Amino acid sequence: MSKTLGQIIHNLRKNLNLTQDQFGAKYDVSGPAIFKFENDYVRPSLALWMRIAEDCNMAERESVLHWARAKLPDQYRHLLDVDETASLDNERYQLKSDVPQYARIKNPDKLRKSILEDKELPEGLHTLISDDDFWIVFKPTGAEIYGVMQKFGMFRGADKDLFAEALRSLRSFIGQERI
């Protein structure tokens, strides 16, 4: 499960061996504000959070995902696992060992062939992957296809249009809109 913004801020402050007042001064906020951030009573603005996350050496995408997750109502936070979503970006993140090999393939022709050999591929997604126009328009990565399978593969009866929309949604959510 992903850490909260408060836990991340608290850990950074402790690692720097600073009091809440000292840490707050570093970001032009009060010690009591840091207390509220650390206890998840309030969230820092996105601009302030990005400054703090940069000091944590956190990738920009991961920073934004943590902040967005914190803004969700409690009952929806479990839907956004920051660690899992961030791992979809195979340019910046190391892919987990249980990720299918095709998630690492850069060549579109090899990628397509490899994906079509995946026995776990839902029928609607298989139909979409088989479509030449899909590859011309979407230019998907293996990590994106894997992400769609992870998030939407349970909908085995979905048709190719729903899987195409799932890819659009995934890209829009993680900020990689290409179409």
N, C-alpha and C. Protein backbone atom coordinates (compact mmCIF):
# COMPACT_ATOMS: atom_id res chain seq x y z
N MET A 1 0.84 -1.19 0.00
CA MET A 1 0.00 0.00 0.00
C MET A 1 0.88 1.24 0.00
N SER A 2 0.44 2.26 -0.68
CA SER A 2 1.20 3.49 -0.78
C SER A 2 1.20 4.26 0.53
N LYS A 3 2.31 4.94 0.79
CA LYS A 3 2.39 5.78 1.98
C LYS A 3 1.55 7.03 1.77
N THR A 4 1.09 7.61 2.87
CA THR A 4 0.36 8.86 2.78
C THR A 4 1.35 10.01 2.63
N LEU A 5 0.85 11.17 2.20
CA LEU A 5 1.71 12.35 2.12
C LEU A 5 2.30 12.65 3.49
N GLY A 6 1.49 12.52 4.51
CA GLY A 6 1.96 12.80 5.86
C GLY A 6 3.11 11.90 6.27
N GLN A 7 3.01 10.61 5.96
CA GLN A 7 4.09 9.68 6.28
C GLN A 7 5.37 10.03 5.53
N ILE A 8 5.23 10.41 4.28
CA ILE A 8 6.41 10.77 3.49
C ILE A 8 7.06 12.03 4.06
N ILE A 9 6.24 13.03 4.38
CA ILE A 9 6.78 14.27 4.95
C ILE A 9 7.44 13.99 6.29
N HIS A 10 6.79 13.21 7.12
CA HIS A 10 7.35 12.87 8.43
C HIS A 10 8.70 12.17 8.28
N ASN A 11 8.76 11.18 7.38
CA ASN A 11 10.02 10.44 7.17
C ASN A 11 11.12 11.35 6.66
N LEU A 12 10.80 12.24 5.75
CA LEU A 12 11.82 13.17 5.23
C LEU A 12 12.33 14.07 6.36
N ARG A 13 11.40 14.60 7.14
CA ARG A 13 11.80 15.49 8.23
C ARG A 13 12.70 14.76 9.23
N LYS A 14 12.30 13.54 9.58
CA LYS A 14 13.10 12.75 10.53
C LYS A 14 14.48 12.42 9.96
N ASN A 15 14.53 12.08 8.67
CA ASN A 15 15.82 11.77 8.03
C ASN A 15 16.74 12.99 8.01
N LEU A 16 16.14 14.17 7.92
CA LEU A 16 16.94 15.40 7.94
C LEU A 16 17.26 15.85 9.37
N ASN A 17 16.69 15.14 10.35
CA ASN A 17 16.89 15.46 11.77
C ASN A 17 16.49 16.91 12.10
N LEU A 18 15.30 17.29 11.59
CA LEU A 18 14.79 18.64 11.81
C LEU A 18 13.53 18.60 12.66
N THR A 19 13.31 19.66 13.43
CA THR A 19 12.04 19.80 14.14
C THR A 19 10.99 20.21 13.11
N GLN A 20 9.74 20.17 13.52
CA GLN A 20 8.67 20.61 12.63
C GLN A 20 8.84 22.09 12.28
N ASP A 21 9.25 22.90 13.26
CA ASP A 21 9.47 24.32 12.99
C ASP A 21 10.61 24.54 12.00
N GLN A 22 11.70 23.81 12.17
CA GLN A 22 12.85 23.93 11.27
C GLN A 22 12.48 23.47 9.86
N PHE A 23 11.78 22.38 9.80
CA PHE A 23 11.37 21.85 8.49
C PHE A 23 10.41 22.82 7.81
N GLY A 24 9.47 23.36 8.58
CA GLY A 24 8.52 24.33 8.03
C GLY A 24 9.22 25.57 7.50
N ALA A 25 10.22 26.04 8.23
CA ALA A 25 10.96 27.24 7.79
C ALA A 25 11.62 27.00 6.44
N LYS A 26 12.05 25.80 6.20
CA LYS A 26 12.69 25.44 4.92
C LYS A 26 11.73 25.66 3.75
N TYR A 27 10.42 25.54 4.01
CA TYR A 27 9.40 25.67 2.96
C TYR A 27 8.47 26.87 3.17
N ASP A 28 8.88 27.77 4.05
CA ASP A 28 8.10 28.98 4.32
C ASP A 28 6.70 28.70 4.85
N VAL A 29 6.59 27.66 5.69
CA VAL A 29 5.33 27.37 6.39
C VAL A 29 5.65 27.18 7.87
N SER A 30 4.64 27.21 8.70
CA SER A 30 4.86 27.10 10.14
C SER A 30 5.06 25.65 10.59
N GLY A 31 5.60 25.50 11.77
CA GLY A 31 5.73 24.17 12.39
C GLY A 31 4.37 23.50 12.57
N PRO A 32 3.35 24.25 13.05
CA PRO A 32 2.03 23.65 13.18
C PRO A 32 1.45 23.16 11.83
N ALA A 33 1.81 23.85 10.74
CA ALA A 33 1.36 23.39 9.41
C ALA A 33 2.00 22.03 9.10
N ILE A 34 3.28 21.89 9.42
CA ILE A 34 3.97 20.62 9.20
C ILE A 34 3.31 19.52 10.04
N PHE A 35 2.96 19.85 11.29
CA PHE A 35 2.26 18.90 12.15
C PHE A 35 0.97 18.42 11.47
N LYS A 36 0.21 19.36 10.92
CA LYS A 36 -1.05 19.01 10.26
C LYS A 36 -0.81 18.17 9.01
N PHE A 37 0.26 18.49 8.25
CA PHE A 37 0.59 17.69 7.06
C PHE A 37 0.96 16.26 7.47
N GLU A 38 1.85 16.15 8.47
CA GLU A 38 2.33 14.83 8.90
C GLU A 38 1.22 13.94 9.43
N ASN A 39 0.22 14.53 10.01
CA ASN A 39 -0.89 13.77 10.57
C ASN A 39 -2.07 13.65 9.62
N ASP A 40 -1.84 14.09 8.39
CA ASP A 40 -2.86 14.01 7.34
C ASP A 40 -4.15 14.74 7.69
N TYR A 41 -4.04 15.79 8.52
CA TYR A 41 -5.21 16.61 8.81
C TYR A 41 -5.50 17.53 7.63
N VAL A 42 -4.46 18.03 7.01
CA VAL A 42 -4.58 18.85 5.80
C VAL A 42 -3.47 18.41 4.85
N ARG A 43 -3.65 18.74 3.58
CA ARG A 43 -2.64 18.42 2.57
C ARG A 43 -1.98 19.70 2.09
N PRO A 44 -0.70 19.62 1.81
CA PRO A 44 -0.04 20.80 1.26
C PRO A 44 -0.57 21.09 -0.14
N SER A 45 -0.40 22.32 -0.58
CA SER A 45 -0.76 22.65 -1.95
C SER A 45 0.11 21.81 -2.88
N LEU A 46 -0.30 21.70 -4.12
CA LEU A 46 0.49 20.92 -5.08
C LEU A 46 1.88 21.54 -5.25
N ALA A 47 1.95 22.87 -5.31
CA ALA A 47 3.25 23.53 -5.48
C ALA A 47 4.18 23.22 -4.31
N LEU A 48 3.67 23.30 -3.09
CA LEU A 48 4.48 23.01 -1.91
C LEU A 48 4.86 21.54 -1.89
N TRP A 49 3.90 20.67 -2.17
CA TRP A 49 4.18 19.24 -2.18
C TRP A 49 5.28 18.90 -3.19
N MET A 50 5.24 19.52 -4.35
CA MET A 50 6.25 19.22 -5.37
C MET A 50 7.64 19.63 -4.89
N ARG A 51 7.73 20.73 -4.15
CA ARG A 51 9.03 21.14 -3.59
C ARG A 51 9.52 20.11 -2.56
N ILE A 52 8.61 19.65 -1.71
CA ILE A 52 8.96 18.65 -0.69
C ILE A 52 9.35 17.35 -1.37
N ALA A 53 8.56 16.90 -2.33
CA ALA A 53 8.83 15.64 -3.03
C ALA A 53 10.16 15.69 -3.76
N GLU A 54 10.50 16.83 -4.31
CA GLU A 54 11.80 16.97 -4.98
C GLU A 54 12.94 16.73 -4.00
N ASP A 55 12.78 17.23 -2.77
CA ASP A 55 13.80 17.00 -1.74
C ASP A 55 13.87 15.54 -1.32
N CYS A 56 12.80 14.78 -1.59
CA CYS A 56 12.79 13.34 -1.31
C CYS A 56 13.39 12.56 -2.49
N ASN A 57 13.79 13.28 -3.53
CA ASN A 57 14.26 12.65 -4.77
C ASN A 57 13.18 11.76 -5.39
N MET A 58 11.94 12.19 -5.28
CA MET A 58 10.82 11.44 -5.82
C MET A 58 10.59 11.90 -7.25
N ALA A 59 10.35 10.97 -8.16
CA ALA A 59 10.05 11.30 -9.55
C ALA A 59 8.79 12.16 -9.61
N GLU A 60 8.75 13.04 -10.58
CA GLU A 60 7.62 13.97 -10.70
C GLU A 60 6.29 13.24 -10.82
N ARG A 61 6.22 12.20 -11.66
CA ARG A 61 4.96 11.47 -11.84
C ARG A 61 4.51 10.85 -10.52
N GLU A 62 5.45 10.23 -9.82
CA GLU A 62 5.11 9.61 -8.54
C GLU A 62 4.62 10.66 -7.55
N SER A 63 5.24 11.83 -7.55
CA SER A 63 4.83 12.93 -6.66
C SER A 63 3.40 13.33 -6.92
N VAL A 64 3.07 13.52 -8.19
CA VAL A 64 1.72 13.94 -8.55
C VAL A 64 0.71 12.85 -8.20
N LEU A 65 1.07 11.59 -8.43
CA LEU A 65 0.16 10.50 -8.09
C LEU A 65 -0.10 10.44 -6.58
N HIS A 66 0.94 10.62 -5.78
CA HIS A 66 0.74 10.64 -4.32
C HIS A 66 -0.21 11.77 -3.94
N TRP A 67 -0.01 12.94 -4.51
CA TRP A 67 -0.84 14.10 -4.18
C TRP A 67 -2.28 13.86 -4.62
N ALA A 68 -2.45 13.33 -5.84
CA ALA A 68 -3.81 13.07 -6.35
C ALA A 68 -4.51 12.02 -5.49
N ARG A 69 -3.79 11.00 -5.07
CA ARG A 69 -4.37 9.96 -4.22
C ARG A 69 -4.84 10.56 -2.90
N ALA A 70 -4.06 11.48 -2.36
CA ALA A 70 -4.43 12.12 -1.09
C ALA A 70 -5.70 12.95 -1.23
N LYS A 71 -5.99 13.45 -2.43
CA LYS A 71 -7.18 14.27 -2.66
C LYS A 71 -8.45 13.44 -2.82
N LEU A 72 -8.29 12.13 -3.08
CA LEU A 72 -9.46 11.27 -3.27
C LEU A 72 -10.18 11.03 -1.94
N PRO A 73 -11.50 10.87 -2.00
CA PRO A 73 -12.21 10.47 -0.78
C PRO A 73 -11.69 9.10 -0.32
N ASP A 74 -11.73 8.87 0.99
CA ASP A 74 -11.19 7.65 1.58
C ASP A 74 -11.64 6.38 0.88
N GLN A 75 -12.93 6.31 0.52
CA GLN A 75 -13.45 5.07 -0.05
C GLN A 75 -12.91 4.76 -1.44
N TYR A 76 -12.21 5.73 -2.08
CA TYR A 76 -11.66 5.50 -3.41
C TYR A 76 -10.14 5.41 -3.44
N ARG A 77 -9.49 5.69 -2.34
CA ARG A 77 -8.02 5.71 -2.34
C ARG A 77 -7.40 4.37 -2.70
N HIS A 78 -8.04 3.29 -2.31
CA HIS A 78 -7.49 1.97 -2.61
C HIS A 78 -7.44 1.70 -4.12
N LEU A 79 -8.21 2.45 -4.90
CA LEU A 79 -8.23 2.26 -6.35
C LEU A 79 -6.97 2.79 -7.03
N LEU A 80 -6.24 3.64 -6.33
CA LEU A 80 -5.02 4.21 -6.90
C LEU A 80 -3.84 3.78 -6.06
N ASP A 81 -3.18 2.72 -6.49
CA ASP A 81 -1.96 2.27 -5.84
C ASP A 81 -0.82 2.97 -6.54
N VAL A 82 -0.24 3.96 -5.89
CA VAL A 82 0.79 4.79 -6.51
C VAL A 82 1.97 3.95 -6.96
N ASP A 83 2.41 3.02 -6.14
CA ASP A 83 3.58 2.22 -6.50
C ASP A 83 3.33 1.41 -7.76
N GLU A 84 2.16 0.80 -7.87
CA GLU A 84 1.83 -0.01 -9.04
C GLU A 84 1.68 0.86 -10.28
N THR A 85 0.98 1.99 -10.16
CA THR A 85 0.77 2.87 -11.30
C THR A 85 2.08 3.46 -11.78
N ALA A 86 2.92 3.87 -10.86
CA ALA A 86 4.21 4.44 -11.26
C ALA A 86 5.07 3.41 -11.98
N SER A 87 4.91 2.14 -11.66
CA SER A 87 5.74 1.11 -12.29
C SER A 87 5.38 0.91 -13.75
N LEU A 88 4.27 1.46 -14.22
CA LEU A 88 3.90 1.33 -15.63
C LEU A 88 4.83 2.11 -16.54
N ASP A 89 5.49 3.10 -16.02
CA ASP A 89 6.38 3.92 -16.83
C ASP A 89 7.74 3.25 -16.91
N ASN A 90 7.92 2.40 -17.90
CA ASN A 90 9.16 1.64 -17.96
C ASN A 90 10.34 2.46 -18.43
N GLU A 91 10.14 3.72 -18.73
CA GLU A 91 11.26 4.60 -19.06
C GLU A 91 11.98 5.05 -17.79
N ARG A 92 11.22 5.23 -16.69
CA ARG A 92 11.79 5.79 -15.47
C ARG A 92 11.84 4.81 -14.30
N TYR A 93 11.06 3.75 -14.38
CA TYR A 93 10.95 2.83 -13.26
C TYR A 93 11.39 1.44 -13.69
N GLN A 94 11.95 0.72 -12.77
CA GLN A 94 12.34 -0.67 -13.02
C GLN A 94 11.08 -1.52 -12.96
N LEU A 95 10.85 -2.33 -13.97
CA LEU A 95 9.66 -3.17 -13.98
C LEU A 95 9.83 -4.34 -13.02
N LYS A 96 8.75 -4.75 -12.38
CA LYS A 96 8.78 -5.87 -11.44
C LYS A 96 9.05 -7.16 -12.21
N SER A 97 9.62 -8.14 -11.53
CA SER A 97 10.02 -9.38 -12.20
C SER A 97 8.81 -10.20 -12.68
N ASP A 98 7.63 -10.01 -12.07
CA ASP A 98 6.48 -10.79 -12.49
C ASP A 98 5.73 -10.15 -13.66
N VAL A 99 6.25 -9.05 -14.19
CA VAL A 99 5.65 -8.39 -15.34
C VAL A 99 5.99 -9.20 -16.58
N PRO A 100 5.03 -9.44 -17.48
CA PRO A 100 5.32 -10.20 -18.68
C PRO A 100 6.48 -9.57 -19.48
N GLN A 101 7.21 -10.41 -20.17
CA GLN A 101 8.37 -9.97 -20.94
C GLN A 101 8.01 -8.86 -21.93
N TYR A 102 6.80 -8.93 -22.51
CA TYR A 102 6.45 -7.93 -23.52
C TYR A 102 6.42 -6.50 -22.98
N ALA A 103 6.31 -6.36 -21.69
CA ALA A 103 6.30 -5.02 -21.10
C ALA A 103 7.64 -4.31 -21.29
N ARG A 104 8.67 -5.06 -21.65
CA ARG A 104 10.00 -4.49 -21.84
C ARG A 104 10.39 -4.33 -23.31
N ILE A 105 9.58 -4.80 -24.23
CA ILE A 105 9.91 -4.79 -25.65
C ILE A 105 9.61 -3.42 -26.26
N LYS A 106 10.57 -2.86 -26.96
CA LYS A 106 10.42 -1.54 -27.57
C LYS A 106 9.95 -1.62 -29.03
N ASN A 107 10.38 -2.65 -29.77
CA ASN A 107 10.04 -2.79 -31.18
C ASN A 107 8.55 -3.13 -31.31
N PRO A 108 7.76 -2.28 -32.01
CA PRO A 108 6.30 -2.50 -32.10
C PRO A 108 5.90 -3.85 -32.70
N ASP A 109 6.63 -4.32 -33.73
CA ASP A 109 6.26 -5.59 -34.35
C ASP A 109 6.51 -6.76 -33.40
N LYS A 110 7.65 -6.75 -32.74
CA LYS A 110 7.96 -7.80 -31.76
C LYS A 110 7.00 -7.73 -30.58
N LEU A 111 6.69 -6.50 -30.17
CA LEU A 111 5.77 -6.30 -29.06
C LEU A 111 4.41 -6.91 -29.38
N ARG A 112 3.89 -6.59 -30.55
CA ARG A 112 2.57 -7.08 -30.94
C ARG A 112 2.56 -8.61 -30.97
N LYS A 113 3.57 -9.21 -31.57
CA LYS A 113 3.67 -10.67 -31.66
C LYS A 113 3.71 -11.29 -30.27
N SER A 114 4.51 -10.71 -29.40
CA SER A 114 4.66 -11.22 -28.03
C SER A 114 3.35 -11.12 -27.25
N ILE A 115 2.66 -10.00 -27.38
CA ILE A 115 1.39 -9.81 -26.66
C ILE A 115 0.36 -10.82 -27.14
N LEU A 116 0.30 -11.03 -28.45
CA LEU A 116 -0.70 -11.96 -28.99
C LEU A 116 -0.45 -13.40 -28.55
N GLU A 117 0.77 -13.71 -28.11
CA GLU A 117 1.09 -15.05 -27.61
C GLU A 117 0.69 -15.23 -26.14
N ASP A 118 0.31 -14.14 -25.48
CA ASP A 118 -0.06 -14.20 -24.07
C ASP A 118 -1.41 -14.90 -23.91
N LYS A 119 -1.42 -16.02 -23.25
CA LYS A 119 -2.64 -16.83 -23.07
C LYS A 119 -3.63 -16.20 -22.10
N GLU A 120 -3.17 -15.25 -21.29
CA GLU A 120 -4.05 -14.60 -20.31
C GLU A 120 -4.80 -13.40 -20.91
N LEU A 121 -4.51 -13.05 -22.15
CA LEU A 121 -5.11 -11.89 -22.79
C LEU A 121 -6.62 -12.09 -22.98
N PRO A 122 -7.45 -11.20 -22.44
CA PRO A 122 -8.90 -11.31 -22.65
C PRO A 122 -9.21 -11.21 -24.16
N GLU A 123 -10.30 -11.82 -24.59
CA GLU A 123 -10.64 -11.87 -26.01
C GLU A 123 -10.79 -10.48 -26.63
N GLY A 124 -11.45 -9.57 -25.94
CA GLY A 124 -11.63 -8.21 -26.47
C GLY A 124 -10.30 -7.50 -26.65
N LEU A 125 -9.39 -7.70 -25.71
CA LEU A 125 -8.06 -7.09 -25.81
C LEU A 125 -7.27 -7.76 -26.93
N HIS A 126 -7.42 -9.06 -27.10
CA HIS A 126 -6.76 -9.78 -28.19
C HIS A 126 -7.23 -9.23 -29.54
N THR A 127 -8.53 -9.00 -29.66
CA THR A 127 -9.08 -8.45 -30.90
C THR A 127 -8.52 -7.05 -31.16
N LEU A 128 -8.42 -6.26 -30.10
CA LEU A 128 -7.86 -4.91 -30.24
C LEU A 128 -6.40 -4.97 -30.68
N ILE A 129 -5.62 -5.82 -30.05
CA ILE A 129 -4.19 -5.96 -30.38
C ILE A 129 -4.01 -6.44 -31.81
N SER A 130 -4.94 -7.24 -32.31
CA SER A 130 -4.87 -7.77 -33.67
C SER A 130 -5.20 -6.72 -34.73
N ASP A 131 -5.81 -5.63 -34.33
CA ASP A 131 -6.27 -4.59 -35.25
C ASP A 131 -5.10 -3.68 -35.68
N ASP A 132 -4.83 -3.65 -36.99
CA ASP A 132 -3.74 -2.82 -37.53
C ASP A 132 -3.94 -1.34 -37.21
N ASP A 133 -5.18 -0.86 -37.32
CA ASP A 133 -5.45 0.56 -37.06
C ASP A 133 -5.13 0.94 -35.62
N PHE A 134 -5.35 0.02 -34.68
CA PHE A 134 -5.04 0.27 -33.28
C PHE A 134 -3.57 0.64 -33.13
N TRP A 135 -2.70 -0.09 -33.79
CA TRP A 135 -1.25 0.16 -33.67
C TRP A 135 -0.85 1.47 -34.33
N ILE A 136 -1.54 1.82 -35.41
CA ILE A 136 -1.23 3.08 -36.10
C ILE A 136 -1.67 4.27 -35.25
N VAL A 137 -2.86 4.18 -34.69
CA VAL A 137 -3.43 5.30 -33.93
C VAL A 137 -2.86 5.39 -32.51
N PHE A 138 -2.84 4.29 -31.78
CA PHE A 138 -2.47 4.30 -30.37
C PHE A 138 -0.98 4.22 -30.10
N LYS A 139 -0.26 3.46 -30.93
CA LYS A 139 1.17 3.22 -30.69
C LYS A 139 1.42 2.84 -29.22
N PRO A 140 0.79 1.73 -28.78
CA PRO A 140 0.88 1.37 -27.35
C PRO A 140 2.27 0.83 -26.98
N THR A 141 2.60 0.95 -25.72
CA THR A 141 3.79 0.31 -25.18
C THR A 141 3.37 -0.98 -24.49
N GLY A 142 4.32 -1.86 -24.30
CA GLY A 142 4.03 -3.10 -23.59
C GLY A 142 3.59 -2.84 -22.17
N ALA A 143 4.19 -1.84 -21.54
CA ALA A 143 3.82 -1.50 -20.17
C ALA A 143 2.37 -1.00 -20.10
N GLU A 144 1.94 -0.27 -21.13
CA GLU A 144 0.55 0.20 -21.15
C GLU A 144 -0.42 -0.97 -21.31
N ILE A 145 -0.09 -1.89 -22.21
CA ILE A 145 -0.96 -3.06 -22.40
C ILE A 145 -1.03 -3.86 -21.10
N TYR A 146 0.12 -4.02 -20.45
CA TYR A 146 0.14 -4.71 -19.17
C TYR A 146 -0.73 -3.98 -18.15
N GLY A 147 -0.62 -2.65 -18.11
CA GLY A 147 -1.44 -1.86 -17.19
C GLY A 147 -2.92 -2.04 -17.45
N VAL A 148 -3.32 -2.05 -18.71
CA VAL A 148 -4.73 -2.27 -19.06
C VAL A 148 -5.16 -3.66 -18.59
N MET A 149 -4.30 -4.65 -18.81
CA MET A 149 -4.64 -6.01 -18.36
C MET A 149 -4.79 -6.06 -16.84
N GLN A 150 -3.86 -5.41 -16.12
CA GLN A 150 -3.91 -5.43 -14.66
C GLN A 150 -5.17 -4.75 -14.13
N LYS A 151 -5.51 -3.61 -14.72
CA LYS A 151 -6.63 -2.83 -14.20
C LYS A 151 -7.99 -3.28 -14.75
N PHE A 152 -8.01 -3.77 -16.00
CA PHE A 152 -9.29 -4.04 -16.64
C PHE A 152 -9.43 -5.47 -17.17
N GLY A 153 -8.40 -6.30 -17.01
CA GLY A 153 -8.42 -7.66 -17.52
C GLY A 153 -9.49 -8.53 -16.90
N MET A 154 -9.97 -8.13 -15.72
CA MET A 154 -11.01 -8.92 -15.06
C MET A 154 -12.34 -8.87 -15.83
N PHE A 155 -12.46 -7.88 -16.70
CA PHE A 155 -13.68 -7.74 -17.49
C PHE A 155 -13.52 -8.56 -18.78
N ARG A 156 -13.52 -9.85 -18.62
CA ARG A 156 -13.23 -10.78 -19.72
C ARG A 156 -14.20 -10.62 -20.88
N GLY A 157 -15.42 -10.21 -20.61
CA GLY A 157 -16.42 -10.09 -21.67
C GLY A 157 -16.39 -8.75 -22.40
N ALA A 158 -15.49 -7.87 -22.02
CA ALA A 158 -15.43 -6.55 -22.64
C ALA A 158 -14.98 -6.66 -24.09
N ASP A 159 -15.52 -5.77 -24.94
CA ASP A 159 -15.11 -5.80 -26.35
C ASP A 159 -13.90 -4.90 -26.58
N LYS A 160 -13.41 -4.89 -27.80
CA LYS A 160 -12.19 -4.15 -28.10
C LYS A 160 -12.35 -2.65 -27.87
N ASP A 161 -13.54 -2.10 -28.10
CA ASP A 161 -13.76 -0.66 -27.89
C ASP A 161 -13.61 -0.29 -26.42
N LEU A 162 -14.08 -1.15 -25.54
CA LEU A 162 -13.94 -0.88 -24.11
C LEU A 162 -12.48 -0.93 -23.68
N PHE A 163 -11.71 -1.86 -24.24
CA PHE A 163 -10.29 -1.92 -23.91
C PHE A 163 -9.55 -0.72 -24.49
N ALA A 164 -9.96 -0.24 -25.67
CA ALA A 164 -9.35 0.97 -26.23
C ALA A 164 -9.64 2.16 -25.31
N GLU A 165 -10.87 2.24 -24.82
CA GLU A 165 -11.22 3.32 -23.89
C GLU A 165 -10.46 3.19 -22.58
N ALA A 166 -10.22 1.96 -22.15
CA ALA A 166 -9.44 1.73 -20.92
C ALA A 166 -8.02 2.26 -21.11
N LEU A 167 -7.43 2.04 -22.28
CA LEU A 167 -6.09 2.55 -22.55
C LEU A 167 -6.09 4.08 -22.56
N ARG A 168 -7.12 4.67 -23.19
CA ARG A 168 -7.22 6.14 -23.18
C ARG A 168 -7.30 6.67 -21.75
N SER A 169 -8.12 6.01 -20.94
CA SER A 169 -8.28 6.44 -19.55
C SER A 169 -6.98 6.31 -18.77
N LEU A 170 -6.31 5.19 -18.96
CA LEU A 170 -5.03 4.98 -18.28
C LEU A 170 -4.03 6.06 -18.67
N ARG A 171 -3.93 6.35 -19.95
CA ARG A 171 -3.01 7.40 -20.41
C ARG A 171 -3.39 8.76 -19.87
N SER A 172 -4.65 9.06 -19.89
CA SER A 172 -5.12 10.35 -19.40
C SER A 172 -4.81 10.50 -17.92
N PHE A 173 -5.03 9.42 -17.17
CA PHE A 173 -4.82 9.47 -15.74
C PHE A 173 -3.36 9.66 -15.38
N ILE A 174 -2.47 8.97 -16.09
CA ILE A 174 -1.05 9.08 -15.74
C ILE A 174 -0.33 10.13 -16.57
N GLY A 175 -1.10 10.89 -17.36
CA GLY A 175 -0.53 12.04 -18.06
C GLY A 175 0.27 11.71 -19.29
N GLN A 176 -0.11 10.68 -20.02
CA GLN A 176 0.59 10.33 -21.24
C GLN A 176 -0.36 10.29 -22.42
N GLU A 177 -1.25 11.23 -22.50
CA GLU A 177 -2.20 11.27 -23.61
C GLU A 177 -1.46 11.39 -24.92
N ARG A 178 -1.64 10.44 -25.82
CA ARG A 178 -0.94 10.44 -27.09
C ARG A 178 -1.89 10.57 -28.27
N ILE A 179 -3.17 10.41 -28.05
CA ILE A 179 -4.10 10.42 -29.17
C ILE A 179 -5.12 11.52 -29.01
